[in-house]
Amino acid sequence: MHTMPRDVKRNYDGAGRRAASAHTRRRILDAARALIVETGYLNTTVADVAERAGVSVATVYELVGRKATILRELIEHAISGTDQTVAADDRAYVGAISAEPDAASKLALYAAAVTEILQRMAPLYLALRDASATEPDAYAVWTDISERRAANMARFAADLASTGQLRGDLDIGDVADAIWATNSAEFYVLLTVDRGWSPEHFREWLTDGWQRLLLD
C-alpha cells in the first residue's frame, strides 16, 4: 500500500483547509450582502449573518470580522468585481485608461467602468453612508473609502489634464469634484432607481455629459 509522504500530506491537508475556509468566507459574505440589501445595515446583526450562512458567530468573526469590516469587504469586492480586494492601480480598467492618450476615450472607459461597479456597489455604499451617522466603526470605514475615492478622482483629473484636452477655463480641482459628484452611488440611484434609467442609459449619458462639460 502506497503511503503519502508526511510533508506532502501536510501540504495537501493545509490546502484543503484553506479552500474550505475560503468557501465558508464567501458564504458569509454572500449572506451578509443579501441581508444588508434586504433589511439594511442597521437591522442586520452578525448573528443574522451567521444564521443565514449556516455557521457560528465565532466563525464569522474569525474568517471576516466585525460588521463594519464585513461591509468594507463587500464594497471592496463590488469595486473589484472579484472575490478579492484589488488595489486601484491593479484594476484592469485603470490600466486601460492610463494607456489611452485621448481624453474623450479615457472618459468613455471610466464611465463604462463606473456604471458596472455601481450596479454592484450602490446599495452597499448607501447602507454604509446611513450607518456612518450612528456607528463609529461604520463611520471610520466610510471616511476611509470616501477619502480614497476623492484621491482617486484627483489622480484621474490629473491624468485627463496631461492630455492637454481639458477646457482651459477649468480648475483641475473642479474637474475632480465634478467627476466625483456624478459617479457617486447617490447620483446613480437617483437616476436608475428614482427616475428609472437603465444602466446603459446612465453610462451613455455620463460619457456624453463628461465629454461636453470637461473637454475643450
N, C-alpha and C. Protein backbone atom coordinates (compact mmCIF):
# COMPACT_ATOMS: atom_id res chain seq x y z
N MET A 1 0.85 -1.20 0.00
CA MET A 1 0.00 0.00 0.00
C MET A 1 0.88 1.24 0.00
N HIS A 2 0.58 2.13 -0.92
CA HIS A 2 1.40 3.35 -1.03
C HIS A 2 1.01 4.34 0.05
N THR A 3 1.98 4.88 0.75
CA THR A 3 1.75 5.87 1.79
C THR A 3 2.24 7.23 1.33
N MET A 4 1.38 8.22 1.46
CA MET A 4 1.75 9.58 1.06
C MET A 4 2.81 10.12 2.00
N PRO A 5 3.91 10.69 1.48
CA PRO A 5 4.93 11.30 2.35
C PRO A 5 4.30 12.32 3.29
N ARG A 6 4.87 12.40 4.50
CA ARG A 6 4.27 13.24 5.54
C ARG A 6 4.17 14.70 5.12
N ASP A 7 5.23 15.25 4.50
CA ASP A 7 5.19 16.66 4.13
C ASP A 7 4.19 16.92 3.02
N VAL A 8 4.05 15.96 2.09
CA VAL A 8 3.06 16.12 1.02
C VAL A 8 1.65 16.09 1.60
N LYS A 9 1.43 15.13 2.53
CA LYS A 9 0.11 15.03 3.15
C LYS A 9 -0.22 16.29 3.93
N ARG A 10 0.79 16.83 4.64
CA ARG A 10 0.57 18.04 5.42
C ARG A 10 0.19 19.20 4.49
N ASN A 11 0.90 19.33 3.36
CA ASN A 11 0.58 20.40 2.41
C ASN A 11 -0.81 20.21 1.82
N TYR A 12 -1.14 18.95 1.51
CA TYR A 12 -2.44 18.63 0.93
C TYR A 12 -3.56 18.98 1.92
N ASP A 13 -3.39 18.57 3.18
CA ASP A 13 -4.40 18.87 4.19
C ASP A 13 -4.52 20.37 4.41
N GLY A 14 -3.37 21.08 4.41
CA GLY A 14 -3.42 22.53 4.59
C GLY A 14 -4.13 23.21 3.46
N ALA A 15 -3.90 22.77 2.22
CA ALA A 15 -4.58 23.36 1.07
C ALA A 15 -6.08 23.10 1.15
N GLY A 16 -6.45 21.92 1.62
CA GLY A 16 -7.87 21.60 1.76
C GLY A 16 -8.54 22.47 2.80
N ARG A 17 -7.87 22.71 3.91
CA ARG A 17 -8.44 23.58 4.95
C ARG A 17 -8.57 25.00 4.46
N ARG A 18 -7.57 25.49 3.73
CA ARG A 18 -7.65 26.85 3.20
C ARG A 18 -8.79 26.99 2.20
N ALA A 19 -8.97 25.97 1.36
CA ALA A 19 -10.07 26.01 0.40
C ALA A 19 -11.41 26.01 1.10
N ALA A 20 -11.54 25.19 2.15
CA ALA A 20 -12.79 25.14 2.91
C ALA A 20 -13.06 26.46 3.60
N SER A 21 -12.01 27.08 4.16
CA SER A 21 -12.17 28.38 4.83
C SER A 21 -12.58 29.46 3.83
N ALA A 22 -11.97 29.44 2.64
CA ALA A 22 -12.32 30.43 1.61
C ALA A 22 -13.77 30.26 1.18
N HIS A 23 -14.21 29.01 1.05
CA HIS A 23 -15.60 28.76 0.67
C HIS A 23 -16.56 29.25 1.74
N THR A 24 -16.24 28.98 2.99
CA THR A 24 -17.08 29.44 4.10
C THR A 24 -17.10 30.96 4.17
N ARG A 25 -15.94 31.57 3.96
CA ARG A 25 -15.85 33.04 3.99
C ARG A 25 -16.73 33.64 2.90
N ARG A 26 -16.72 33.04 1.71
CA ARG A 26 -17.55 33.52 0.61
C ARG A 26 -19.03 33.39 0.96
N ARG A 27 -19.38 32.28 1.63
CA ARG A 27 -20.76 32.07 2.04
C ARG A 27 -21.20 33.13 3.06
N ILE A 28 -20.31 33.46 3.97
CA ILE A 28 -20.61 34.51 4.96
C ILE A 28 -20.84 35.85 4.28
N LEU A 29 -19.96 36.21 3.34
CA LEU A 29 -20.09 37.49 2.65
C LEU A 29 -21.36 37.53 1.79
N ASP A 30 -21.68 36.43 1.14
CA ASP A 30 -22.91 36.38 0.34
C ASP A 30 -24.14 36.56 1.23
N ALA A 31 -24.12 35.91 2.39
CA ALA A 31 -25.24 36.04 3.32
C ALA A 31 -25.36 37.47 3.83
N ALA A 32 -24.22 38.08 4.15
CA ALA A 32 -24.23 39.46 4.65
C ALA A 32 -24.76 40.42 3.60
N ARG A 33 -24.32 40.25 2.36
CA ARG A 33 -24.79 41.14 1.30
C ARG A 33 -26.30 41.03 1.13
N ALA A 34 -26.82 39.81 1.11
CA ALA A 34 -28.26 39.62 0.94
C ALA A 34 -29.03 40.28 2.07
N LEU A 35 -28.57 40.10 3.30
CA LEU A 35 -29.27 40.66 4.44
C LEU A 35 -29.22 42.19 4.45
N ILE A 36 -28.04 42.75 4.16
CA ILE A 36 -27.91 44.21 4.18
C ILE A 36 -28.79 44.84 3.11
N VAL A 37 -28.85 44.24 1.92
CA VAL A 37 -29.70 44.77 0.85
C VAL A 37 -31.17 44.60 1.21
N GLU A 38 -31.52 43.47 1.84
CA GLU A 38 -32.92 43.21 2.17
C GLU A 38 -33.43 44.05 3.34
N THR A 39 -32.62 44.14 4.40
CA THR A 39 -33.13 44.74 5.64
C THR A 39 -32.37 45.97 6.11
N GLY A 40 -31.25 46.29 5.46
CA GLY A 40 -30.46 47.43 5.87
C GLY A 40 -29.33 47.04 6.81
N TYR A 41 -28.31 47.85 6.82
CA TYR A 41 -27.13 47.56 7.65
C TYR A 41 -27.48 47.58 9.13
N LEU A 42 -28.23 48.59 9.57
CA LEU A 42 -28.52 48.73 10.99
C LEU A 42 -29.37 47.58 11.52
N ASN A 43 -30.20 47.01 10.67
CA ASN A 43 -31.07 45.92 11.10
C ASN A 43 -30.43 44.55 10.94
N THR A 44 -29.22 44.50 10.43
CA THR A 44 -28.50 43.24 10.24
C THR A 44 -27.50 43.06 11.37
N THR A 45 -27.56 41.92 12.02
CA THR A 45 -26.60 41.61 13.08
C THR A 45 -25.64 40.52 12.61
N VAL A 46 -24.53 40.40 13.31
CA VAL A 46 -23.58 39.33 12.99
C VAL A 46 -24.25 37.98 13.21
N ALA A 47 -25.12 37.89 14.21
CA ALA A 47 -25.84 36.64 14.45
C ALA A 47 -26.75 36.30 13.27
N ASP A 48 -27.37 37.34 12.68
CA ASP A 48 -28.20 37.11 11.49
C ASP A 48 -27.35 36.56 10.35
N VAL A 49 -26.20 37.15 10.16
CA VAL A 49 -25.30 36.71 9.09
C VAL A 49 -24.87 35.27 9.31
N ALA A 50 -24.51 34.96 10.55
CA ALA A 50 -24.09 33.61 10.87
C ALA A 50 -25.21 32.60 10.60
N GLU A 51 -26.43 32.94 11.00
CA GLU A 51 -27.57 32.04 10.78
C GLU A 51 -27.83 31.84 9.30
N ARG A 52 -27.81 32.93 8.51
CA ARG A 52 -28.06 32.82 7.08
C ARG A 52 -26.95 31.99 6.40
N ALA A 53 -25.72 32.14 6.85
CA ALA A 53 -24.60 31.42 6.24
C ALA A 53 -24.46 29.99 6.76
N GLY A 54 -25.16 29.68 7.85
CA GLY A 54 -25.07 28.33 8.41
C GLY A 54 -23.78 28.06 9.16
N VAL A 55 -23.27 29.11 9.83
CA VAL A 55 -22.04 28.97 10.61
C VAL A 55 -22.26 29.59 11.98
N SER A 56 -21.26 29.46 12.85
CA SER A 56 -21.35 30.08 14.18
C SER A 56 -20.94 31.55 14.10
N VAL A 57 -21.35 32.30 15.10
CA VAL A 57 -20.93 33.71 15.19
C VAL A 57 -19.42 33.80 15.30
N ALA A 58 -18.82 32.88 16.05
CA ALA A 58 -17.36 32.88 16.19
C ALA A 58 -16.67 32.70 14.85
N THR A 59 -17.25 31.89 13.96
CA THR A 59 -16.66 31.68 12.64
C THR A 59 -16.72 32.96 11.81
N VAL A 60 -17.81 33.71 11.93
CA VAL A 60 -17.92 34.98 11.21
C VAL A 60 -16.81 35.92 11.64
N TYR A 61 -16.62 36.05 12.97
CA TYR A 61 -15.56 36.93 13.46
C TYR A 61 -14.17 36.44 13.05
N GLU A 62 -13.98 35.13 13.06
CA GLU A 62 -12.67 34.57 12.75
C GLU A 62 -12.32 34.75 11.27
N LEU A 63 -13.27 34.50 10.37
CA LEU A 63 -12.97 34.50 8.94
C LEU A 63 -13.14 35.86 8.29
N VAL A 64 -13.98 36.74 8.83
CA VAL A 64 -14.19 38.06 8.22
C VAL A 64 -13.96 39.17 9.23
N GLY A 65 -14.73 39.19 10.33
CA GLY A 65 -14.54 40.24 11.32
C GLY A 65 -15.85 40.85 11.77
N ARG A 66 -15.76 42.05 12.32
CA ARG A 66 -16.93 42.76 12.80
C ARG A 66 -17.82 43.19 11.64
N LYS A 67 -19.01 43.68 11.99
CA LYS A 67 -19.99 44.00 10.95
C LYS A 67 -19.48 45.07 9.99
N ALA A 68 -18.82 46.10 10.49
CA ALA A 68 -18.29 47.15 9.61
C ALA A 68 -17.21 46.59 8.69
N THR A 69 -16.41 45.65 9.20
CA THR A 69 -15.39 45.02 8.37
C THR A 69 -16.02 44.20 7.27
N ILE A 70 -17.11 43.52 7.60
CA ILE A 70 -17.84 42.74 6.59
C ILE A 70 -18.31 43.66 5.47
N LEU A 71 -18.89 44.80 5.84
CA LEU A 71 -19.39 45.72 4.82
C LEU A 71 -18.25 46.31 3.99
N ARG A 72 -17.13 46.60 4.62
CA ARG A 72 -15.97 47.08 3.87
C ARG A 72 -15.54 46.03 2.83
N GLU A 73 -15.48 44.77 3.25
CA GLU A 73 -15.10 43.71 2.32
C GLU A 73 -16.08 43.63 1.14
N LEU A 74 -17.35 43.73 1.44
CA LEU A 74 -18.36 43.66 0.38
C LEU A 74 -18.19 44.80 -0.62
N ILE A 75 -17.92 45.99 -0.12
CA ILE A 75 -17.74 47.14 -1.01
C ILE A 75 -16.47 46.98 -1.84
N GLU A 76 -15.40 46.53 -1.22
CA GLU A 76 -14.14 46.32 -1.95
C GLU A 76 -14.33 45.28 -3.05
N HIS A 77 -15.06 44.22 -2.76
CA HIS A 77 -15.30 43.19 -3.77
C HIS A 77 -16.21 43.71 -4.88
N ALA A 78 -17.18 44.55 -4.50
CA ALA A 78 -18.05 45.13 -5.52
C ALA A 78 -17.25 46.03 -6.46
N ILE A 79 -16.29 46.75 -5.93
CA ILE A 79 -15.46 47.62 -6.77
C ILE A 79 -14.60 46.79 -7.71
N SER A 80 -13.99 45.74 -7.19
CA SER A 80 -13.07 44.94 -8.00
C SER A 80 -13.80 43.98 -8.93
N GLY A 81 -15.03 43.61 -8.57
CA GLY A 81 -15.76 42.63 -9.38
C GLY A 81 -15.24 41.22 -9.19
N THR A 82 -14.46 40.99 -8.13
CA THR A 82 -13.90 39.67 -7.84
C THR A 82 -14.12 39.37 -6.36
N ASP A 83 -13.66 38.19 -5.93
CA ASP A 83 -13.73 37.83 -4.52
C ASP A 83 -12.54 38.35 -3.74
N GLN A 84 -11.76 39.22 -4.35
CA GLN A 84 -10.56 39.75 -3.70
C GLN A 84 -10.58 41.27 -3.75
N THR A 85 -9.93 41.88 -2.75
CA THR A 85 -9.69 43.32 -2.80
C THR A 85 -8.56 43.59 -3.78
N VAL A 86 -8.78 44.51 -4.71
CA VAL A 86 -7.78 44.81 -5.73
C VAL A 86 -7.42 46.30 -5.63
N ALA A 87 -6.15 46.59 -5.46
CA ALA A 87 -5.70 47.99 -5.38
C ALA A 87 -6.05 48.72 -6.67
N ALA A 88 -6.29 50.02 -6.55
CA ALA A 88 -6.75 50.82 -7.70
C ALA A 88 -5.82 50.66 -8.90
N ASP A 89 -4.52 50.72 -8.66
CA ASP A 89 -3.57 50.66 -9.77
C ASP A 89 -3.54 49.30 -10.46
N ASP A 90 -4.07 48.28 -9.79
CA ASP A 90 -4.05 46.93 -10.36
C ASP A 90 -5.35 46.57 -11.08
N ARG A 91 -6.33 47.47 -11.07
CA ARG A 91 -7.60 47.19 -11.74
C ARG A 91 -7.42 47.36 -13.25
N ALA A 92 -8.01 46.44 -14.01
CA ALA A 92 -7.80 46.42 -15.46
C ALA A 92 -8.23 47.72 -16.12
N TYR A 93 -9.35 48.28 -15.69
CA TYR A 93 -9.83 49.48 -16.35
C TYR A 93 -8.93 50.68 -16.07
N VAL A 94 -8.29 50.69 -14.90
CA VAL A 94 -7.37 51.79 -14.58
C VAL A 94 -6.17 51.75 -15.52
N GLY A 95 -5.66 50.58 -15.77
CA GLY A 95 -4.54 50.45 -16.71
C GLY A 95 -4.93 50.85 -18.11
N ALA A 96 -6.14 50.46 -18.53
CA ALA A 96 -6.60 50.82 -19.88
C ALA A 96 -6.77 52.33 -20.02
N ILE A 97 -7.29 52.97 -18.99
CA ILE A 97 -7.47 54.43 -19.02
C ILE A 97 -6.12 55.12 -19.07
N SER A 98 -5.19 54.67 -18.26
CA SER A 98 -3.87 55.29 -18.21
C SER A 98 -3.15 55.17 -19.56
N ALA A 99 -3.35 54.05 -20.24
CA ALA A 99 -2.67 53.82 -21.53
C ALA A 99 -3.32 54.58 -22.67
N GLU A 100 -4.55 55.03 -22.50
CA GLU A 100 -5.28 55.71 -23.57
C GLU A 100 -4.83 57.17 -23.67
N PRO A 101 -4.37 57.65 -24.84
CA PRO A 101 -3.87 59.02 -24.95
C PRO A 101 -4.96 60.08 -25.12
N ASP A 102 -6.18 59.66 -25.47
CA ASP A 102 -7.24 60.61 -25.80
C ASP A 102 -8.17 60.81 -24.60
N ALA A 103 -8.43 62.07 -24.24
CA ALA A 103 -9.24 62.36 -23.05
C ALA A 103 -10.67 61.87 -23.20
N ALA A 104 -11.27 62.03 -24.36
CA ALA A 104 -12.65 61.58 -24.57
C ALA A 104 -12.75 60.08 -24.38
N SER A 105 -11.76 59.36 -24.86
CA SER A 105 -11.76 57.91 -24.71
C SER A 105 -11.53 57.50 -23.26
N LYS A 106 -10.69 58.25 -22.55
CA LYS A 106 -10.50 58.00 -21.12
C LYS A 106 -11.83 58.12 -20.38
N LEU A 107 -12.56 59.17 -20.68
CA LEU A 107 -13.84 59.40 -20.01
C LEU A 107 -14.85 58.30 -20.36
N ALA A 108 -14.86 57.86 -21.60
CA ALA A 108 -15.78 56.80 -22.01
C ALA A 108 -15.44 55.49 -21.29
N LEU A 109 -14.16 55.18 -21.19
CA LEU A 109 -13.74 53.97 -20.48
C LEU A 109 -14.12 54.04 -19.01
N TYR A 110 -13.92 55.20 -18.42
CA TYR A 110 -14.23 55.33 -16.99
C TYR A 110 -15.73 55.29 -16.74
N ALA A 111 -16.51 55.90 -17.61
CA ALA A 111 -17.97 55.87 -17.46
C ALA A 111 -18.48 54.43 -17.52
N ALA A 112 -17.93 53.64 -18.42
CA ALA A 112 -18.33 52.23 -18.53
C ALA A 112 -17.94 51.47 -17.26
N ALA A 113 -16.74 51.69 -16.76
CA ALA A 113 -16.29 51.00 -15.55
C ALA A 113 -17.13 51.41 -14.35
N VAL A 114 -17.38 52.70 -14.21
CA VAL A 114 -18.16 53.21 -13.09
C VAL A 114 -19.57 52.61 -13.10
N THR A 115 -20.19 52.57 -14.25
CA THR A 115 -21.55 52.03 -14.34
C THR A 115 -21.59 50.57 -13.92
N GLU A 116 -20.63 49.80 -14.37
CA GLU A 116 -20.57 48.39 -14.00
C GLU A 116 -20.37 48.23 -12.49
N ILE A 117 -19.48 49.04 -11.93
CA ILE A 117 -19.20 48.97 -10.50
C ILE A 117 -20.42 49.37 -9.68
N LEU A 118 -21.08 50.46 -10.07
CA LEU A 118 -22.20 50.97 -9.29
C LEU A 118 -23.37 50.01 -9.26
N GLN A 119 -23.54 49.22 -10.30
CA GLN A 119 -24.61 48.23 -10.27
C GLN A 119 -24.41 47.25 -9.12
N ARG A 120 -23.17 46.94 -8.79
CA ARG A 120 -22.88 46.04 -7.69
C ARG A 120 -22.78 46.77 -6.36
N MET A 121 -22.25 47.98 -6.38
CA MET A 121 -21.84 48.64 -5.14
C MET A 121 -22.86 49.58 -4.54
N ALA A 122 -23.70 50.23 -5.34
CA ALA A 122 -24.53 51.33 -4.85
C ALA A 122 -25.34 50.99 -3.60
N PRO A 123 -26.06 49.87 -3.56
CA PRO A 123 -26.85 49.59 -2.35
C PRO A 123 -25.99 49.46 -1.10
N LEU A 124 -24.81 48.85 -1.25
CA LEU A 124 -23.91 48.68 -0.11
C LEU A 124 -23.32 50.00 0.33
N TYR A 125 -22.95 50.83 -0.61
CA TYR A 125 -22.34 52.11 -0.30
C TYR A 125 -23.33 53.01 0.43
N LEU A 126 -24.59 53.01 0.00
CA LEU A 126 -25.60 53.83 0.66
C LEU A 126 -25.90 53.28 2.06
N ALA A 127 -25.86 51.96 2.21
CA ALA A 127 -26.04 51.37 3.54
C ALA A 127 -24.92 51.81 4.47
N LEU A 128 -23.71 51.85 3.97
CA LEU A 128 -22.57 52.30 4.78
C LEU A 128 -22.72 53.78 5.13
N ARG A 129 -23.15 54.59 4.18
CA ARG A 129 -23.35 56.02 4.45
C ARG A 129 -24.36 56.22 5.57
N ASP A 130 -25.47 55.52 5.50
CA ASP A 130 -26.51 55.66 6.51
C ASP A 130 -26.02 55.20 7.88
N ALA A 131 -25.30 54.08 7.89
CA ALA A 131 -24.81 53.55 9.16
C ALA A 131 -23.76 54.45 9.79
N SER A 132 -23.01 55.17 8.97
CA SER A 132 -21.92 56.01 9.48
C SER A 132 -22.43 57.16 10.34
N ALA A 133 -23.72 57.48 10.22
CA ALA A 133 -24.28 58.57 11.01
C ALA A 133 -24.40 58.20 12.49
N THR A 134 -24.46 56.91 12.80
CA THR A 134 -24.68 56.49 14.19
C THR A 134 -23.65 55.50 14.71
N GLU A 135 -22.92 54.82 13.84
CA GLU A 135 -21.99 53.79 14.29
C GLU A 135 -20.54 54.21 14.01
N PRO A 136 -19.73 54.37 15.06
CA PRO A 136 -18.34 54.81 14.88
C PRO A 136 -17.53 53.90 13.94
N ASP A 137 -17.71 52.58 14.04
CA ASP A 137 -16.96 51.68 13.17
C ASP A 137 -17.32 51.90 11.71
N ALA A 138 -18.62 52.07 11.45
CA ALA A 138 -19.06 52.32 10.08
C ALA A 138 -18.56 53.68 9.60
N TYR A 139 -18.53 54.66 10.49
CA TYR A 139 -18.04 55.99 10.12
C TYR A 139 -16.57 55.94 9.72
N ALA A 140 -15.79 55.15 10.44
CA ALA A 140 -14.36 55.03 10.11
C ALA A 140 -14.18 54.41 8.72
N VAL A 141 -14.97 53.39 8.41
CA VAL A 141 -14.89 52.76 7.09
C VAL A 141 -15.35 53.75 6.02
N TRP A 142 -16.46 54.45 6.27
CA TRP A 142 -16.99 55.44 5.33
C TRP A 142 -15.95 56.52 5.03
N THR A 143 -15.31 57.03 6.08
CA THR A 143 -14.32 58.09 5.91
C THR A 143 -13.14 57.59 5.08
N ASP A 144 -12.67 56.40 5.37
CA ASP A 144 -11.53 55.84 4.63
C ASP A 144 -11.86 55.67 3.15
N ILE A 145 -13.00 55.08 2.87
CA ILE A 145 -13.38 54.85 1.47
C ILE A 145 -13.63 56.17 0.75
N SER A 146 -14.27 57.12 1.43
CA SER A 146 -14.55 58.41 0.81
C SER A 146 -13.27 59.17 0.48
N GLU A 147 -12.31 59.12 1.40
CA GLU A 147 -11.04 59.82 1.17
C GLU A 147 -10.27 59.17 0.02
N ARG A 148 -10.27 57.85 -0.04
CA ARG A 148 -9.60 57.16 -1.14
C ARG A 148 -10.27 57.51 -2.47
N ARG A 149 -11.59 57.57 -2.45
CA ARG A 149 -12.32 57.87 -3.68
C ARG A 149 -11.98 59.29 -4.16
N ALA A 150 -11.95 60.25 -3.25
CA ALA A 150 -11.61 61.62 -3.62
C ALA A 150 -10.18 61.69 -4.17
N ALA A 151 -9.27 60.97 -3.54
CA ALA A 151 -7.88 60.97 -4.01
C ALA A 151 -7.78 60.36 -5.40
N ASN A 152 -8.54 59.30 -5.66
CA ASN A 152 -8.53 58.68 -6.99
C ASN A 152 -9.09 59.62 -8.05
N MET A 153 -10.08 60.43 -7.69
CA MET A 153 -10.63 61.38 -8.65
C MET A 153 -9.62 62.47 -8.97
N ALA A 154 -8.84 62.87 -7.97
CA ALA A 154 -7.80 63.87 -8.22
C ALA A 154 -6.74 63.31 -9.18
N ARG A 155 -6.39 62.04 -9.00
CA ARG A 155 -5.42 61.41 -9.90
C ARG A 155 -5.99 61.30 -11.32
N PHE A 156 -7.27 60.97 -11.42
CA PHE A 156 -7.88 60.84 -12.73
C PHE A 156 -7.93 62.21 -13.42
N ALA A 157 -8.28 63.25 -12.67
CA ALA A 157 -8.32 64.60 -13.25
C ALA A 157 -6.93 65.01 -13.75
N ALA A 158 -5.89 64.67 -13.00
CA ALA A 158 -4.53 64.99 -13.44
C ALA A 158 -4.17 64.22 -14.71
N ASP A 159 -4.64 62.96 -14.80
CA ASP A 159 -4.39 62.17 -16.00
C ASP A 159 -5.09 62.80 -17.20
N LEU A 160 -6.32 63.27 -17.00
CA LEU A 160 -7.04 63.96 -18.08
C LEU A 160 -6.31 65.23 -18.50
N ALA A 161 -5.85 65.98 -17.51
CA ALA A 161 -5.16 67.24 -17.80
C ALA A 161 -3.88 67.00 -18.60
N SER A 162 -3.24 65.85 -18.40
CA SER A 162 -1.99 65.57 -19.09
C SER A 162 -2.17 65.43 -20.60
N THR A 163 -3.41 65.22 -21.04
CA THR A 163 -3.68 65.11 -22.48
C THR A 163 -3.70 66.48 -23.15
N GLY A 164 -3.85 67.55 -22.38
CA GLY A 164 -3.98 68.89 -22.94
C GLY A 164 -5.32 69.14 -23.59
N GLN A 165 -6.31 68.28 -23.32
CA GLN A 165 -7.60 68.39 -23.99
C GLN A 165 -8.73 68.87 -23.09
N LEU A 166 -8.42 69.19 -21.83
CA LEU A 166 -9.44 69.75 -20.95
C LEU A 166 -9.70 71.21 -21.32
N ARG A 167 -10.89 71.68 -20.98
CA ARG A 167 -11.19 73.11 -21.16
C ARG A 167 -10.19 73.96 -20.38
N GLY A 168 -9.72 75.00 -21.02
CA GLY A 168 -8.69 75.82 -20.40
C GLY A 168 -9.17 76.62 -19.21
N ASP A 169 -10.50 76.85 -19.10
CA ASP A 169 -11.02 77.66 -18.01
C ASP A 169 -11.37 76.85 -16.77
N LEU A 170 -11.09 75.54 -16.80
CA LEU A 170 -11.45 74.69 -15.66
C LEU A 170 -10.27 74.48 -14.73
N ASP A 171 -10.53 74.63 -13.45
CA ASP A 171 -9.55 74.28 -12.43
C ASP A 171 -9.54 72.76 -12.28
N ILE A 172 -8.35 72.17 -12.13
CA ILE A 172 -8.27 70.72 -12.07
C ILE A 172 -9.01 70.16 -10.86
N GLY A 173 -9.07 70.93 -9.79
CA GLY A 173 -9.85 70.50 -8.63
C GLY A 173 -11.34 70.45 -8.94
N ASP A 174 -11.81 71.40 -9.74
CA ASP A 174 -13.22 71.39 -10.14
C ASP A 174 -13.52 70.20 -11.03
N VAL A 175 -12.56 69.83 -11.88
CA VAL A 175 -12.73 68.66 -12.74
C VAL A 175 -12.89 67.41 -11.87
N ALA A 176 -12.01 67.26 -10.89
CA ALA A 176 -12.07 66.10 -9.99
C ALA A 176 -13.39 66.06 -9.24
N ASP A 177 -13.84 67.22 -8.75
CA ASP A 177 -15.08 67.26 -7.98
C ASP A 177 -16.30 66.98 -8.84
N ALA A 178 -16.29 67.45 -10.09
CA ALA A 178 -17.42 67.19 -10.98
C ALA A 178 -17.55 65.70 -11.27
N ILE A 179 -16.43 65.04 -11.51
CA ILE A 179 -16.45 63.59 -11.75
C ILE A 179 -16.84 62.86 -10.48
N TRP A 180 -16.30 63.29 -9.35
CA TRP A 180 -16.60 62.68 -8.05
C TRP A 180 -18.10 62.72 -7.75
N ALA A 181 -18.73 63.87 -8.02
CA ALA A 181 -20.16 64.01 -7.72
C ALA A 181 -21.03 63.16 -8.63
N THR A 182 -20.69 63.13 -9.91
CA THR A 182 -21.56 62.46 -10.88
C THR A 182 -21.32 60.96 -11.00
N ASN A 183 -20.25 60.46 -10.38
CA ASN A 183 -20.09 58.99 -10.37
C ASN A 183 -20.37 58.41 -9.00
N SER A 184 -21.08 59.17 -8.17
CA SER A 184 -21.39 58.72 -6.82
C SER A 184 -22.54 57.73 -6.82
N ALA A 185 -22.60 56.93 -5.77
CA ALA A 185 -23.71 55.98 -5.62
C ALA A 185 -25.03 56.73 -5.50
N GLU A 186 -25.02 57.87 -4.80
CA GLU A 186 -26.25 58.65 -4.64
C GLU A 186 -26.79 59.10 -6.00
N PHE A 187 -25.91 59.61 -6.85
CA PHE A 187 -26.32 60.11 -8.15
C PHE A 187 -26.83 58.96 -9.03
N TYR A 188 -26.15 57.83 -8.96
CA TYR A 188 -26.56 56.66 -9.75
C TYR A 188 -27.95 56.19 -9.34
N VAL A 189 -28.20 56.12 -8.03
CA VAL A 189 -29.50 55.66 -7.55
C VAL A 189 -30.61 56.64 -7.91
N LEU A 190 -30.32 57.93 -7.82
CA LEU A 190 -31.32 58.93 -8.21
C LEU A 190 -31.82 58.69 -9.63
N LEU A 191 -30.93 58.39 -10.55
CA LEU A 191 -31.30 58.26 -11.95
C LEU A 191 -31.80 56.86 -12.30
N THR A 192 -31.15 55.83 -11.78
CA THR A 192 -31.53 54.48 -12.19
C THR A 192 -32.68 53.90 -11.37
N VAL A 193 -32.82 54.35 -10.13
CA VAL A 193 -33.92 53.86 -9.28
C VAL A 193 -35.07 54.86 -9.27
N ASP A 194 -34.80 56.10 -8.84
CA ASP A 194 -35.87 57.08 -8.71
C ASP A 194 -36.44 57.50 -10.07
N ARG A 195 -35.60 57.60 -11.09
CA ARG A 195 -36.07 58.04 -12.40
C ARG A 195 -36.17 56.90 -13.41
N GLY A 196 -35.76 55.72 -13.04
CA GLY A 196 -35.97 54.55 -13.89
C GLY A 196 -35.05 54.40 -15.08
N TRP A 197 -33.89 55.08 -15.07
CA TRP A 197 -32.95 54.92 -16.17
C TRP A 197 -32.36 53.52 -16.14
N SER A 198 -32.05 52.98 -17.30
CA SER A 198 -31.30 51.74 -17.37
C SER A 198 -29.82 52.04 -17.13
N PRO A 199 -29.04 51.06 -16.67
CA PRO A 199 -27.59 51.29 -16.53
C PRO A 199 -26.95 51.73 -17.83
N GLU A 200 -27.41 51.19 -18.97
CA GLU A 200 -26.86 51.59 -20.26
C GLU A 200 -27.13 53.06 -20.56
N HIS A 201 -28.35 53.51 -20.25
CA HIS A 201 -28.69 54.93 -20.42
C HIS A 201 -27.80 55.79 -19.55
N PHE A 202 -27.62 55.36 -18.31
CA PHE A 202 -26.75 56.11 -17.40
C PHE A 202 -25.34 56.21 -17.96
N ARG A 203 -24.80 55.09 -18.44
CA ARG A 203 -23.43 55.09 -18.98
C ARG A 203 -23.31 56.04 -20.16
N GLU A 204 -24.27 55.99 -21.08
CA GLU A 204 -24.22 56.85 -22.26
C GLU A 204 -24.32 58.32 -21.86
N TRP A 205 -25.23 58.61 -20.95
CA TRP A 205 -25.41 60.00 -20.51
C TRP A 205 -24.15 60.50 -19.79
N LEU A 206 -23.57 59.66 -18.95
CA LEU A 206 -22.39 60.06 -18.20
C LEU A 206 -21.23 60.33 -19.15
N THR A 207 -21.04 59.47 -20.12
CA THR A 207 -19.97 59.67 -21.10
C THR A 207 -20.16 60.98 -21.84
N ASP A 208 -21.35 61.20 -22.37
CA ASP A 208 -21.63 62.41 -23.14
C ASP A 208 -21.53 63.65 -22.26
N GLY A 209 -22.08 63.57 -21.04
CA GLY A 209 -22.05 64.71 -20.14
C GLY A 209 -20.65 65.11 -19.74
N TRP A 210 -19.83 64.13 -19.38
CA TRP A 210 -18.44 64.45 -19.03
C TRP A 210 -17.69 65.05 -20.20
N GLN A 211 -17.87 64.49 -21.38
CA GLN A 211 -17.14 65.00 -22.55
C GLN A 211 -17.56 66.43 -22.87
N ARG A 212 -18.85 66.71 -22.80
CA ARG A 212 -19.35 68.07 -23.09
C ARG A 212 -18.90 69.07 -22.02
N LEU A 213 -18.93 68.65 -20.78
CA LEU A 213 -18.62 69.55 -19.67
C LEU A 213 -17.15 69.86 -19.52
N LEU A 214 -16.31 68.85 -19.78
CA LEU A 214 -14.91 68.95 -19.37
C LEU A 214 -13.92 69.19 -20.52
N LEU A 215 -14.28 68.83 -21.73
CA LEU A 215 -13.29 68.86 -22.80
C LEU A 215 -13.37 70.14 -23.62
N ASP A 216 -12.23 70.50 -24.16
CA ASP A 216 -12.13 71.71 -24.97
C ASP A 216 -12.76 71.46 -26.32
